[in-house]
Amino acid sequence: MMRILLNSIALDPHRWQKGKIAHFPLSSLLSPIAESGFHFIEVWQYHISRENENSVHRILDLGDSLGVSFPIVGAYPQLHLSGDERNRELDRFKRIIEFARILRTRIVKIFAGSKGTEELDGKEYKRSVEFLQQMIDLAAATDLTITGELHRKTLLDSIASTRELLATLNTTDFRICYQPFDFRATERAVTDYAALADVVAHVHYQGRRSGKFESLEKSDIDYALLTRELINHGFDGYVSIEFVKDCAPEKHEHFDLQTVLANAIKDREYLAAVLAEYEVNYQV
């Protein structure tokens, strides 16, 4: 059964600031999220990475009391590092894994590194794959699946590079988080999804029109057609509303949480209407 999630990254105006120090603690967002009718959250890494174990337990308890769960946690590791930098990066990832375990998470979604495939030399690519495999094994030991998000400046920067990495890893403990490479082109979004449908466990939706965040219904990509492609391929995983209209004002002080949540509700309702048209069961 499909589940529609809200990504907590949409609710923080500091998401692209240096240091990525969250403006809103995750604990303060849970009640507004629940009141907005969302019960599944994809957690932005920086909403938990500076917490401690006790505070993460409190987040879980508050989520339980509100009927909110955390099936996905996002992370942004660098994979190509060596020496002490690599060890520190692994320690940071272990911390995310431990917090995800506490939150009863099912999937840890990652950026597969911070360099595109053409930027990496042979040694860096080999180190990246080895580090990714180490991460996959760590996650699998606690029954977590890693999904890699399609994105530029990562190992998953094209369909070809994604297929190459999947063949190299050759494991069911690593799946794909599908996100369009081009937010202006419906046909490419549909054909790219079809090319990877067999390995997609998680999908990111974000409405964009002329490069700016917009509602899903008014986006350059026809999300009804893309959703139909998911349905045609039997997708029954997680669809995460990642960014929404008004979530990125020019000045951070103009960010309005209730406006953003209202727009997230509109996107959810639009997606729910599309799924209902095709008589697809879903949860929100």
Protein backbone atom coordinates (compact mmCIF):
# COMPACT_ATOMS: atom_id res chain seq x y z
CA MET A 1 0.00 0.00 0.00
CA MET A 2 1.31 3.44 -0.89
CA ARG A 3 2.02 5.82 1.95
CA ILE A 4 2.13 9.59 1.49
CA LEU A 5 4.79 11.22 3.66
CA LEU A 6 5.73 14.79 4.45
CA ASN A 7 9.45 15.49 4.41
CA SER A 8 10.43 17.64 7.38
CA ILE A 9 13.00 19.41 5.18
CA ALA A 10 10.08 21.35 3.68
CA LEU A 11 9.40 22.87 7.09
CA ASP A 12 12.78 24.40 7.84
CA PRO A 13 14.04 27.65 6.27
CA HIS A 14 17.63 26.85 7.27
CA ARG A 15 17.88 23.78 5.06
CA TRP A 16 20.45 25.39 2.73
CA GLN A 17 22.28 27.53 5.25
CA LYS A 18 25.89 26.81 6.10
CA GLY A 19 26.00 24.48 9.07
CA LYS A 20 22.39 23.39 8.50
CA ILE A 21 21.26 24.21 12.02
CA ALA A 22 17.53 23.56 12.06
CA HIS A 23 15.33 26.55 12.79
CA PHE A 24 12.55 24.38 14.24
CA PRO A 25 13.26 21.43 16.55
CA LEU A 26 11.52 18.35 15.20
CA SER A 27 9.62 18.01 18.46
CA SER A 28 7.97 21.40 17.88
CA LEU A 29 6.83 20.38 14.38
CA LEU A 30 5.07 17.15 15.28
CA SER A 31 1.81 18.64 16.56
CA PRO A 32 1.39 20.99 13.57
CA ILE A 33 2.17 18.11 11.22
CA ALA A 34 -0.37 15.84 12.91
CA GLU A 35 -2.98 18.61 12.90
CA SER A 36 -2.39 18.92 9.16
CA GLY A 37 -3.39 15.29 8.67
CA PHE A 38 0.04 13.81 7.98
CA HIS A 39 0.92 10.68 9.92
CA PHE A 40 4.16 9.64 8.19
CA ILE A 41 7.30 11.78 8.18
CA GLU A 42 10.54 11.60 6.26
CA VAL A 43 12.97 13.13 8.74
CA TRP A 44 15.59 15.57 7.48
CA GLN A 45 18.97 14.54 8.89
CA TYR A 46 19.56 17.87 10.60
CA HIS A 47 16.31 17.59 12.51
CA ILE A 48 17.89 14.82 14.58
CA SER A 49 21.67 14.83 14.06
CA ARG A 50 22.31 17.28 16.92
CA GLU A 51 19.94 15.52 19.31
CA ASN A 52 21.01 12.95 21.89
CA GLU A 53 19.63 9.48 22.46
CA ASN A 54 17.24 10.59 25.20
CA SER A 55 15.76 13.41 23.13
CA VAL A 56 15.25 11.07 20.16
CA HIS A 57 13.33 8.72 22.48
CA ARG A 58 11.19 11.69 23.50
CA ILE A 59 10.53 12.49 19.82
CA LEU A 60 9.38 8.89 19.32
CA ASP A 61 7.12 9.06 22.37
CA LEU A 62 5.57 12.33 21.21
CA GLY A 63 5.08 10.90 17.73
CA ASP A 64 3.35 7.84 19.22
CA SER A 65 1.02 10.05 21.23
CA LEU A 66 0.08 12.00 18.08
CA GLY A 67 -0.20 9.00 15.77
CA VAL A 68 2.86 10.10 13.79
CA SER A 69 5.61 7.72 12.67
CA PHE A 70 9.02 8.12 11.04
CA PRO A 71 9.42 5.48 8.31
CA ILE A 72 12.26 7.32 6.56
CA VAL A 73 15.28 9.28 7.76
CA GLY A 74 17.40 11.21 5.28
CA ALA A 75 21.20 11.51 5.40
CA TYR A 76 23.88 13.22 3.32
CA PRO A 77 27.18 11.34 3.70
CA GLN A 78 30.35 11.96 1.76
CA LEU A 79 31.59 8.68 0.36
CA HIS A 80 34.93 9.41 -1.29
CA LEU A 81 36.90 10.39 1.82
CA SER A 82 39.93 8.57 3.20
CA GLY A 83 41.82 8.28 6.47
CA ASP A 84 40.56 10.11 9.55
CA GLU A 85 37.94 12.01 7.55
CA ARG A 86 36.44 8.72 6.43
CA ASN A 87 36.36 7.41 10.00
CA ARG A 88 34.61 10.55 11.25
CA GLU A 89 32.07 10.31 8.44
CA LEU A 90 31.38 6.69 9.35
CA ASP A 91 30.88 7.67 12.99
CA ARG A 92 28.35 10.31 11.92
CA PHE A 93 26.48 7.75 9.87
CA LYS A 94 26.47 5.25 12.74
CA ARG A 95 24.81 7.94 14.85
CA ILE A 96 22.10 8.40 12.22
CA ILE A 97 21.58 4.63 12.07
CA GLU A 98 21.19 4.47 15.84
CA PHE A 99 18.67 7.32 15.87
CA ALA A 100 16.78 5.74 12.97
CA ARG A 101 16.61 2.49 14.94
CA ILE A 102 15.15 4.35 17.94
CA LEU A 103 12.54 6.00 15.69
CA ARG A 104 11.52 2.59 14.26
CA THR A 105 12.51 3.77 10.82
CA ARG A 106 12.37 1.40 7.84
CA ILE A 107 14.50 3.28 5.28
CA VAL A 108 17.52 5.56 5.49
CA LYS A 109 17.54 7.68 2.35
CA ILE A 110 20.94 9.04 1.38
CA PHE A 111 22.61 11.27 -1.10
CA ALA A 112 25.10 8.82 -2.60
CA GLY A 113 28.08 11.04 -1.93
CA SER A 114 28.80 14.66 -2.76
CA LYS A 115 30.55 14.26 -6.12
CA GLY A 116 29.18 13.30 -9.49
CA THR A 117 30.52 10.26 -11.30
CA GLU A 118 32.52 12.37 -13.76
CA GLU A 119 34.19 14.27 -10.91
CA LEU A 120 35.55 11.14 -9.24
CA ASP A 121 38.80 9.54 -10.27
CA GLY A 122 39.12 5.75 -10.24
CA LYS A 123 40.39 5.55 -6.66
CA GLU A 124 37.70 7.87 -5.35
CA TYR A 125 34.96 5.92 -7.10
CA LYS A 126 36.27 2.65 -5.67
CA ARG A 127 36.44 4.16 -2.14
CA SER A 128 32.93 5.56 -2.57
CA VAL A 129 31.48 2.19 -3.50
CA GLU A 130 33.32 0.46 -0.66
CA PHE A 131 32.10 3.03 1.86
CA LEU A 132 28.56 2.76 0.55
CA GLN A 133 28.70 -1.02 0.91
CA GLN A 134 29.88 -0.60 4.50
CA MET A 135 26.93 1.70 5.17
CA ILE A 136 24.50 -0.74 3.58
CA ASP A 137 25.82 -3.57 5.76
CA LEU A 138 25.55 -1.45 8.92
CA ALA A 139 21.96 -0.56 8.10
CA ALA A 140 20.99 -4.09 7.16
CA ALA A 141 22.26 -5.34 10.52
CA THR A 142 19.42 -3.37 12.14
CA ASP A 143 16.85 -4.29 9.44
CA LEU A 144 17.15 -0.93 7.69
CA THR A 145 17.24 -0.50 3.93
CA ILE A 146 19.35 2.21 2.31
CA THR A 147 17.86 4.10 -0.62
CA GLY A 148 19.96 6.36 -2.80
CA GLU A 149 18.31 9.49 -4.16
CA LEU A 150 18.69 10.27 -7.85
CA HIS A 151 20.54 13.59 -7.86
CA ARG A 152 23.33 15.46 -9.57
CA LYS A 153 26.72 15.48 -7.84
CA THR A 154 26.22 11.96 -6.51
CA LEU A 155 26.93 8.42 -7.71
CA LEU A 156 23.32 8.39 -8.96
CA ASP A 157 23.56 11.30 -11.39
CA SER A 158 22.10 9.45 -14.41
CA ILE A 159 20.18 6.31 -15.24
CA ALA A 160 23.38 4.72 -16.58
CA SER A 161 25.44 5.49 -13.46
CA THR A 162 22.61 4.23 -11.27
CA ARG A 163 22.40 0.93 -13.11
CA GLU A 164 26.18 0.56 -12.97
CA LEU A 165 26.21 1.11 -9.21
CA LEU A 166 23.33 -1.30 -8.65
CA ALA A 167 25.14 -3.98 -10.65
CA THR A 168 28.34 -3.41 -8.67
CA LEU A 169 26.62 -3.58 -5.27
CA ASN A 170 24.33 -6.47 -6.27
CA THR A 171 22.25 -6.39 -3.10
CA THR A 172 18.58 -6.05 -2.22
CA ASP A 173 19.54 -3.98 0.83
CA PHE A 174 20.12 -0.95 -1.42
CA ARG A 175 17.21 0.52 -3.36
CA ILE A 176 16.43 3.75 -5.16
CA CYS A 177 14.68 6.93 -4.11
CA TYR A 178 13.30 8.16 -7.42
CA GLN A 179 13.34 11.89 -8.05
CA PRO A 180 13.16 13.48 -11.51
CA PHE A 181 16.46 14.75 -12.88
CA ASP A 182 14.63 17.45 -14.85
CA PHE A 183 11.67 19.18 -13.20
CA ARG A 184 10.60 20.69 -16.51
CA ALA A 185 10.08 17.51 -18.53
CA THR A 186 7.18 15.12 -17.95
CA GLU A 187 8.23 12.65 -20.64
CA ARG A 188 11.73 12.25 -19.21
CA ALA A 189 10.35 11.94 -15.68
CA VAL A 190 8.07 9.10 -16.81
CA THR A 191 10.66 7.24 -18.91
CA ASP A 192 13.36 7.57 -16.24
CA TYR A 193 11.01 6.13 -13.66
CA ALA A 194 10.11 3.25 -15.97
CA ALA A 195 13.83 2.50 -16.45
CA LEU A 196 14.29 1.98 -12.70
CA ALA A 197 10.83 0.92 -11.54
CA ASP A 198 12.00 -2.51 -10.42
CA VAL A 199 14.37 -1.04 -7.82
CA VAL A 200 12.42 2.00 -6.56
CA ALA A 201 11.21 1.84 -2.95
CA HIS A 202 10.72 5.54 -2.33
CA VAL A 203 9.70 8.53 -4.46
CA HIS A 204 10.21 12.26 -3.94
CA TYR A 205 7.62 14.69 -5.26
CA GLN A 206 8.23 18.41 -5.39
CA GLY A 207 6.24 20.84 -7.48
CA ARG A 208 8.22 23.28 -9.61
CA ARG A 209 7.19 25.73 -12.26
CA SER A 210 9.74 27.81 -14.17
CA GLY A 211 12.33 26.88 -11.55
CA LYS A 212 10.31 27.97 -8.53
CA PHE A 213 8.45 25.82 -6.04
CA GLU A 214 4.80 25.42 -6.99
CA SER A 215 1.91 23.14 -6.18
CA LEU A 216 2.06 19.64 -7.67
CA GLU A 217 -1.09 20.34 -9.66
CA LYS A 218 0.43 23.40 -11.39
CA SER A 219 3.94 22.03 -11.89
CA ASP A 220 5.81 21.79 -15.17
CA ILE A 221 5.87 18.03 -14.62
CA ASP A 222 2.46 16.43 -14.97
CA TYR A 223 2.45 14.55 -11.66
CA ALA A 224 -0.81 12.81 -12.52
CA LEU A 225 0.94 11.13 -15.46
CA LEU A 226 3.99 10.30 -13.37
CA THR A 227 1.77 8.83 -10.65
CA ARG A 228 -0.03 6.75 -13.27
CA GLU A 229 3.38 5.37 -14.31
CA LEU A 230 4.05 4.38 -10.70
CA ILE A 231 0.70 2.63 -10.57
CA ASN A 232 1.26 0.85 -13.90
CA HIS A 233 4.49 -0.61 -12.51
CA GLY A 234 2.84 -1.76 -9.29
CA PHE A 235 4.61 0.70 -6.99
CA ASP A 236 3.49 0.27 -3.37
CA GLY A 237 6.16 2.16 -1.45
CA TYR A 238 6.59 5.62 0.02
CA VAL A 239 5.75 8.86 -1.80
CA SER A 240 7.29 11.78 0.05
CA ILE A 241 6.19 15.38 -0.49
CA GLU A 242 9.65 16.91 -0.26
CA PHE A 243 9.25 20.63 -1.03
CA VAL A 244 6.11 22.70 -1.44
CA LYS A 245 5.02 26.14 -2.57
CA ASP A 246 6.22 28.98 -0.30
CA CYS A 247 8.75 26.80 1.53
CA ALA A 248 11.70 28.84 0.25
CA PRO A 249 10.99 32.59 0.57
CA GLU A 250 13.76 34.99 -0.42
CA LYS A 251 14.23 35.97 3.23
CA HIS A 252 14.16 33.33 5.94
CA GLU A 253 12.20 35.57 8.28
CA HIS A 254 9.32 35.48 5.80
CA PHE A 255 8.93 31.72 6.19
CA ASP A 256 5.47 30.92 7.52
CA LEU A 257 4.98 27.40 8.83
CA GLN A 258 1.19 27.40 8.57
CA THR A 259 1.27 28.59 4.95
CA VAL A 260 3.75 25.86 4.05
CA LEU A 261 1.69 23.19 5.80
CA ALA A 262 -1.46 24.41 4.06
CA ASN A 263 0.31 24.01 0.72
CA ALA A 264 1.53 20.55 1.73
CA ILE A 265 -2.08 19.60 2.46
CA LYS A 266 -3.09 20.77 -1.03
CA ASP A 267 -0.36 18.62 -2.58
CA ARG A 268 -1.45 15.63 -0.52
CA GLU A 269 -5.07 16.10 -1.50
CA TYR A 270 -4.12 16.40 -5.16
CA LEU A 271 -2.08 13.20 -4.99
CA ALA A 272 -4.84 11.42 -3.06
CA ALA A 273 -7.36 12.40 -5.75
CA VAL A 274 -5.11 10.95 -8.46
CA LEU A 275 -4.73 7.70 -6.54
CA ALA A 276 -8.47 7.53 -5.90
CA GLU A 277 -9.14 7.94 -9.61
CA TYR A 278 -7.17 4.75 -10.22
CA GLU A 279 -8.70 3.03 -7.17
CA VAL A 280 -5.32 2.69 -5.48
CA ASN A 281 -5.24 2.15 -1.74
CA TYR A 282 -3.03 4.54 0.21
CA GLN A 283 -2.38 5.88 3.69
CA VAL A 284 -1.47 9.39 4.80
